[in-house]
Amino acid sequence: MAKKTVATLQTGAGKNYTKVIKMVKSEKTGAYGFREEIVHNDNVQDWFKS
């Protein structure tokens, strides 16, 4: 599935977007999980701050 995402991001307007992955700790169990999204290049730093 990752190959599909990367391939579509490299064509056309997809170069303006970045796939970001953030590690998040669960409050209930204390275990870590990953949250990933595709955001516009201008909003990458704001996404990590939130």
PDB file of N, CA and C in Angstrom:
ATOM      1  N   MET A   1       0.816  -1.182   0.000  1.00  0.00           N
ATOM      2  CA  MET A   1       0.000   0.000   0.000  1.00  0.00           C
ATOM      3  C   MET A   1       0.871   1.262   0.000  1.00  0.00           C
ATOM      4  N   ALA A   2       1.996   1.239   0.665  1.00  0.00           N
ATOM      5  CA  ALA A   2       2.866   2.403   0.725  1.00  0.00           C
ATOM      6  C   ALA A   2       3.384   2.770  -0.659  1.00  0.00           C
ATOM      7  N   LYS A   3       3.651   1.773  -1.485  1.00  0.00           N
ATOM      8  CA  LYS A   3       4.145   2.056  -2.825  1.00  0.00           C
ATOM      9  C   LYS A   3       3.114   2.834  -3.623  1.00  0.00           C
ATOM     10  N   LYS A   4       1.840   2.484  -3.456  1.00  0.00           N
ATOM     11  CA  LYS A   4       0.777   3.189  -4.161  1.00  0.00           C
ATOM     12  C   LYS A   4       0.732   4.654  -3.740  1.00  0.00           C
ATOM     13  N   THR A   5       0.828   4.908  -2.445  1.00  0.00           N
ATOM     14  CA  THR A   5       0.779   6.271  -1.934  1.00  0.00           C
ATOM     15  C   THR A   5       1.939   7.088  -2.466  1.00  0.00           C
ATOM     16  N   VAL A   6       3.133   6.547  -2.422  1.00  0.00           N
ATOM     17  CA  VAL A   6       4.316   7.258  -2.897  1.00  0.00           C
ATOM     18  C   VAL A   6       4.208   7.529  -4.390  1.00  0.00           C
ATOM     19  N   ALA A   7       3.722   6.568  -5.147  1.00  0.00           N
ATOM     20  CA  ALA A   7       3.605   6.741  -6.594  1.00  0.00           C
ATOM     21  C   ALA A   7       2.621   7.848  -6.934  1.00  0.00           C
ATOM     22  N   THR A   8       1.515   7.941  -6.223  1.00  0.00           N
ATOM     23  CA  THR A   8       0.537   8.977  -6.538  1.00  0.00           C
ATOM     24  C   THR A   8       1.001  10.347  -6.072  1.00  0.00           C
ATOM     25  N   LEU A   9       1.823  10.397  -5.038  1.00  0.00           N
ATOM     26  CA  LEU A   9       2.296  11.691  -4.554  1.00  0.00           C
ATOM     27  C   LEU A   9       3.345  12.298  -5.484  1.00  0.00           C
ATOM     28  N   GLN A  10       3.988  11.519  -6.314  1.00  0.00           N
ATOM     29  CA  GLN A  10       5.064  12.028  -7.157  1.00  0.00           C
ATOM     30  C   GLN A  10       4.580  12.541  -8.505  1.00  0.00           C
ATOM     31  N   THR A  11       3.298  12.501  -8.778  1.00  0.00           N
ATOM     32  CA  THR A  11       2.797  12.955 -10.064  1.00  0.00           C
ATOM     33  C   THR A  11       1.908  14.169  -9.879  1.00  0.00           C
ATOM     34  N   GLY A  12       1.994  15.115 -10.780  1.00  0.00           N
ATOM     35  CA  GLY A  12       1.118  16.282 -10.779  1.00  0.00           C
ATOM     36  C   GLY A  12       1.230  17.121  -9.531  1.00  0.00           C
ATOM     37  N   ALA A  13       0.080  17.481  -8.979  1.00  0.00           N
ATOM     38  CA  ALA A  13       0.034  18.353  -7.804  1.00  0.00           C
ATOM     39  C   ALA A  13       0.389  17.618  -6.524  1.00  0.00           C
ATOM     40  N   GLY A  14       0.613  16.323  -6.603  1.00  0.00           N
ATOM     41  CA  GLY A  14       0.952  15.534  -5.422  1.00  0.00           C
ATOM     42  C   GLY A  14       2.278  15.917  -4.802  1.00  0.00           C
ATOM     43  N   LYS A  15       3.123  16.611  -5.545  1.00  0.00           N
ATOM     44  CA  LYS A  15       4.419  17.025  -4.999  1.00  0.00           C
ATOM     45  C   LYS A  15       4.255  18.098  -3.927  1.00  0.00           C
ATOM     46  N   ASN A  16       3.074  18.672  -3.828  1.00  0.00           N
ATOM     47  CA  ASN A  16       2.812  19.696  -2.820  1.00  0.00           C
ATOM     48  C   ASN A  16       2.401  19.095  -1.485  1.00  0.00           C
ATOM     49  N   TYR A  17       2.333  17.762  -1.401  1.00  0.00           N
ATOM     50  CA  TYR A  17       1.874  17.092  -0.197  1.00  0.00           C
ATOM     51  C   TYR A  17       2.942  16.155   0.339  1.00  0.00           C
ATOM     52  N   THR A  18       2.901  15.928   1.657  1.00  0.00           N
ATOM     53  CA  THR A  18       3.865  15.061   2.327  1.00  0.00           C
ATOM     54  C   THR A  18       3.116  14.105   3.238  1.00  0.00           C
ATOM     55  N   LYS A  19       3.557  12.856   3.273  1.00  0.00           N
ATOM     56  CA  LYS A  19       2.987  11.886   4.211  1.00  0.00           C
ATOM     57  C   LYS A  19       3.761  12.017   5.514  1.00  0.00           C
ATOM     58  N   VAL A  20       3.056  12.310   6.601  1.00  0.00           N
ATOM     59  CA  VAL A  20       3.690  12.502   7.902  1.00  0.00           C
ATOM     60  C   VAL A  20       3.222  11.413   8.859  1.00  0.00           C
ATOM     61  N   ILE A  21       4.135  10.958   9.703  1.00  0.00           N
ATOM     62  CA  ILE A  21       3.842   9.906  10.676  1.00  0.00           C
ATOM     63  C   ILE A  21       4.302  10.398  12.050  1.00  0.00           C
ATOM     64  N   LYS A  22       3.415  10.275  13.027  1.00  0.00           N
ATOM     65  CA  LYS A  22       3.718  10.751  14.376  1.00  0.00           C
ATOM     66  C   LYS A  22       3.421   9.640  15.370  1.00  0.00           C
ATOM     67  N   MET A  23       4.315   9.432  16.325  1.00  0.00           N
ATOM     68  CA  MET A  23       4.104   8.422  17.349  1.00  0.00           C
ATOM     69  C   MET A  23       3.317   9.061  18.497  1.00  0.00           C
ATOM     70  N   VAL A  24       2.213   8.392  18.902  1.00  0.00           N
ATOM     71  CA  VAL A  24       1.325   8.933  19.917  1.00  0.00           C
ATOM     72  C   VAL A  24       1.147   7.903  21.026  1.00  0.00           C
ATOM     73  N   LYS A  25       1.216   8.369  22.270  1.00  0.00           N
ATOM     74  CA  LYS A  25       1.050   7.472  23.408  1.00  0.00           C
ATOM     75  C   LYS A  25      -0.416   7.448  23.838  1.00  0.00           C
ATOM     76  N   SER A  26      -0.962   6.258  24.008  1.00  0.00           N
ATOM     77  CA  SER A  26      -2.348   6.088  24.432  1.00  0.00           C
ATOM     78  C   SER A  26      -2.458   6.404  25.926  1.00  0.00           C
ATOM     79  N   GLU A  27      -3.486   7.170  26.270  1.00  0.00           N
ATOM     80  CA  GLU A  27      -3.675   7.510  27.682  1.00  0.00           C
ATOM     81  C   GLU A  27      -4.230   6.330  28.481  1.00  0.00           C
ATOM     82  N   LYS A  28      -5.014   5.476  27.839  1.00  0.00           N
ATOM     83  CA  LYS A  28      -5.614   4.336  28.536  1.00  0.00           C
ATOM     84  C   LYS A  28      -4.594   3.260  28.871  1.00  0.00           C
ATOM     85  N   THR A  29      -3.849   2.799  27.866  1.00  0.00           N
ATOM     86  CA  THR A  29      -2.965   1.653  28.059  1.00  0.00           C
ATOM     87  C   THR A  29      -1.507   2.028  28.222  1.00  0.00           C
ATOM     88  N   GLY A  30      -1.119   3.225  27.789  1.00  0.00           N
ATOM     89  CA  GLY A  30       0.279   3.623  27.853  1.00  0.00           C
ATOM     90  C   GLY A  30       1.084   3.102  26.678  1.00  0.00           C
ATOM     91  N   ALA A  31       0.436   2.383  25.776  1.00  0.00           N
ATOM     92  CA  ALA A  31       1.125   1.849  24.604  1.00  0.00           C
ATOM     93  C   ALA A  31       1.255   2.945  23.543  1.00  0.00           C
ATOM     94  N   TYR A  32       2.236   2.786  22.681  1.00  0.00           N
ATOM     95  CA  TYR A  32       2.442   3.740  21.610  1.00  0.00           C
ATOM     96  C   TYR A  32       1.798   3.250  20.321  1.00  0.00           C
ATOM     97  N   GLY A  33       1.258   4.200  19.570  1.00  0.00           N
ATOM     98  CA  GLY A  33       0.680   3.905  18.273  1.00  0.00           C
ATOM     99  C   GLY A  33       1.131   4.962  17.290  1.00  0.00           C
ATOM    100  N   PHE A  34       0.819   4.773  16.049  1.00  0.00           N
ATOM    101  CA  PHE A  34       1.241   5.713  15.031  1.00  0.00           C
ATOM    102  C   PHE A  34       0.046   6.363  14.384  1.00  0.00           C
ATOM    103  N   ARG A  35       0.139   7.662  14.165  1.00  0.00           N
ATOM    104  CA  ARG A  35      -0.892   8.420  13.471  1.00  0.00           C
ATOM    105  C   ARG A  35      -0.266   8.961  12.199  1.00  0.00           C
ATOM    106  N   GLU A  36      -0.878   8.677  11.069  1.00  0.00           N
ATOM    107  CA  GLU A  36      -0.303   9.146   9.817  1.00  0.00           C
ATOM    108  C   GLU A  36      -1.362   9.812   8.963  1.00  0.00           C
ATOM    109  N   GLU A  37      -0.930  10.860   8.269  1.00  0.00           N
ATOM    110  CA  GLU A  37      -1.809  11.629   7.396  1.00  0.00           C
ATOM    111  C   GLU A  37      -0.998  12.161   6.236  1.00  0.00           C
ATOM    112  N   ILE A  38      -1.706  12.617   5.230  1.00  0.00           N
ATOM    113  CA  ILE A  38      -1.070  13.299   4.109  1.00  0.00           C
ATOM    114  C   ILE A  38      -1.487  14.761   4.203  1.00  0.00           C
ATOM    115  N   VAL A  39      -0.516  15.650   4.413  1.00  0.00           N
ATOM    116  CA  VAL A  39      -0.808  17.076   4.602  1.00  0.00           C
ATOM    117  C   VAL A  39      -0.034  17.907   3.578  1.00  0.00           C
ATOM    118  N   HIS A  40      -0.495  19.122   3.381  1.00  0.00           N
ATOM    119  CA  HIS A  40       0.160  20.039   2.457  1.00  0.00           C
ATOM    120  C   HIS A  40       1.516  20.442   3.036  1.00  0.00           C
ATOM    121  N   ASN A  41       2.492  20.669   2.168  1.00  0.00           N
ATOM    122  CA  ASN A  41       3.849  20.994   2.612  1.00  0.00           C
ATOM    123  C   ASN A  41       3.896  22.206   3.535  1.00  0.00           C
ATOM    124  N   ASP A  42       3.010  23.170   3.341  1.00  0.00           N
ATOM    125  CA  ASP A  42       3.010  24.369   4.180  1.00  0.00           C
ATOM    126  C   ASP A  42       2.532  24.088   5.600  1.00  0.00           C
ATOM    127  N   ASN A  43       1.810  22.992   5.808  1.00  0.00           N
ATOM    128  CA  ASN A  43       1.204  22.702   7.111  1.00  0.00           C
ATOM    129  C   ASN A  43       1.911  21.596   7.887  1.00  0.00           C
ATOM    130  N   VAL A  44       3.050  21.140   7.433  1.00  0.00           N
ATOM    131  CA  VAL A  44       3.732  20.013   8.076  1.00  0.00           C
ATOM    132  C   VAL A  44       4.144  20.365   9.508  1.00  0.00           C
ATOM    133  N   GLN A  45       4.781  21.499   9.710  1.00  0.00           N
ATOM    134  CA  GLN A  45       5.235  21.880  11.059  1.00  0.00           C
ATOM    135  C   GLN A  45       4.061  22.078  12.005  1.00  0.00           C
ATOM    136  N   ASP A  46       2.966  22.662  11.516  1.00  0.00           N
ATOM    137  CA  ASP A  46       1.782  22.873  12.346  1.00  0.00           C
ATOM    138  C   ASP A  46       1.165  21.541  12.759  1.00  0.00           C
ATOM    139  N   TRP A  47       1.194  20.553  11.844  1.00  0.00           N
ATOM    140  CA  TRP A  47       0.630  19.242  12.151  1.00  0.00           C
ATOM    141  C   TRP A  47       1.406  18.575  13.278  1.00  0.00           C
ATOM    142  N   PHE A  48       2.730  18.692  13.265  1.00  0.00           N
ATOM    143  CA  PHE A  48       3.531  18.065  14.315  1.00  0.00           C
ATOM    144  C   PHE A  48       3.358  18.774  15.653  1.00  0.00           C
ATOM    145  N   LYS A  49       3.089  20.068  15.652  1.00  0.00           N
ATOM    146  CA  LYS A  49       2.892  20.812  16.897  1.00  0.00           C
ATOM    147  C   LYS A  49       1.573  20.472  17.564  1.00  0.00           C
ATOM    148  N   SER A  50       0.574  20.074  16.770  1.00  0.00           N
ATOM    149  CA  SER A  50      -0.745  19.785  17.343  1.00  0.00           C
ATOM    150  C   SER A  50      -0.798  18.432  17.996  1.00  0.00           C
TER     151      SER A  50
END
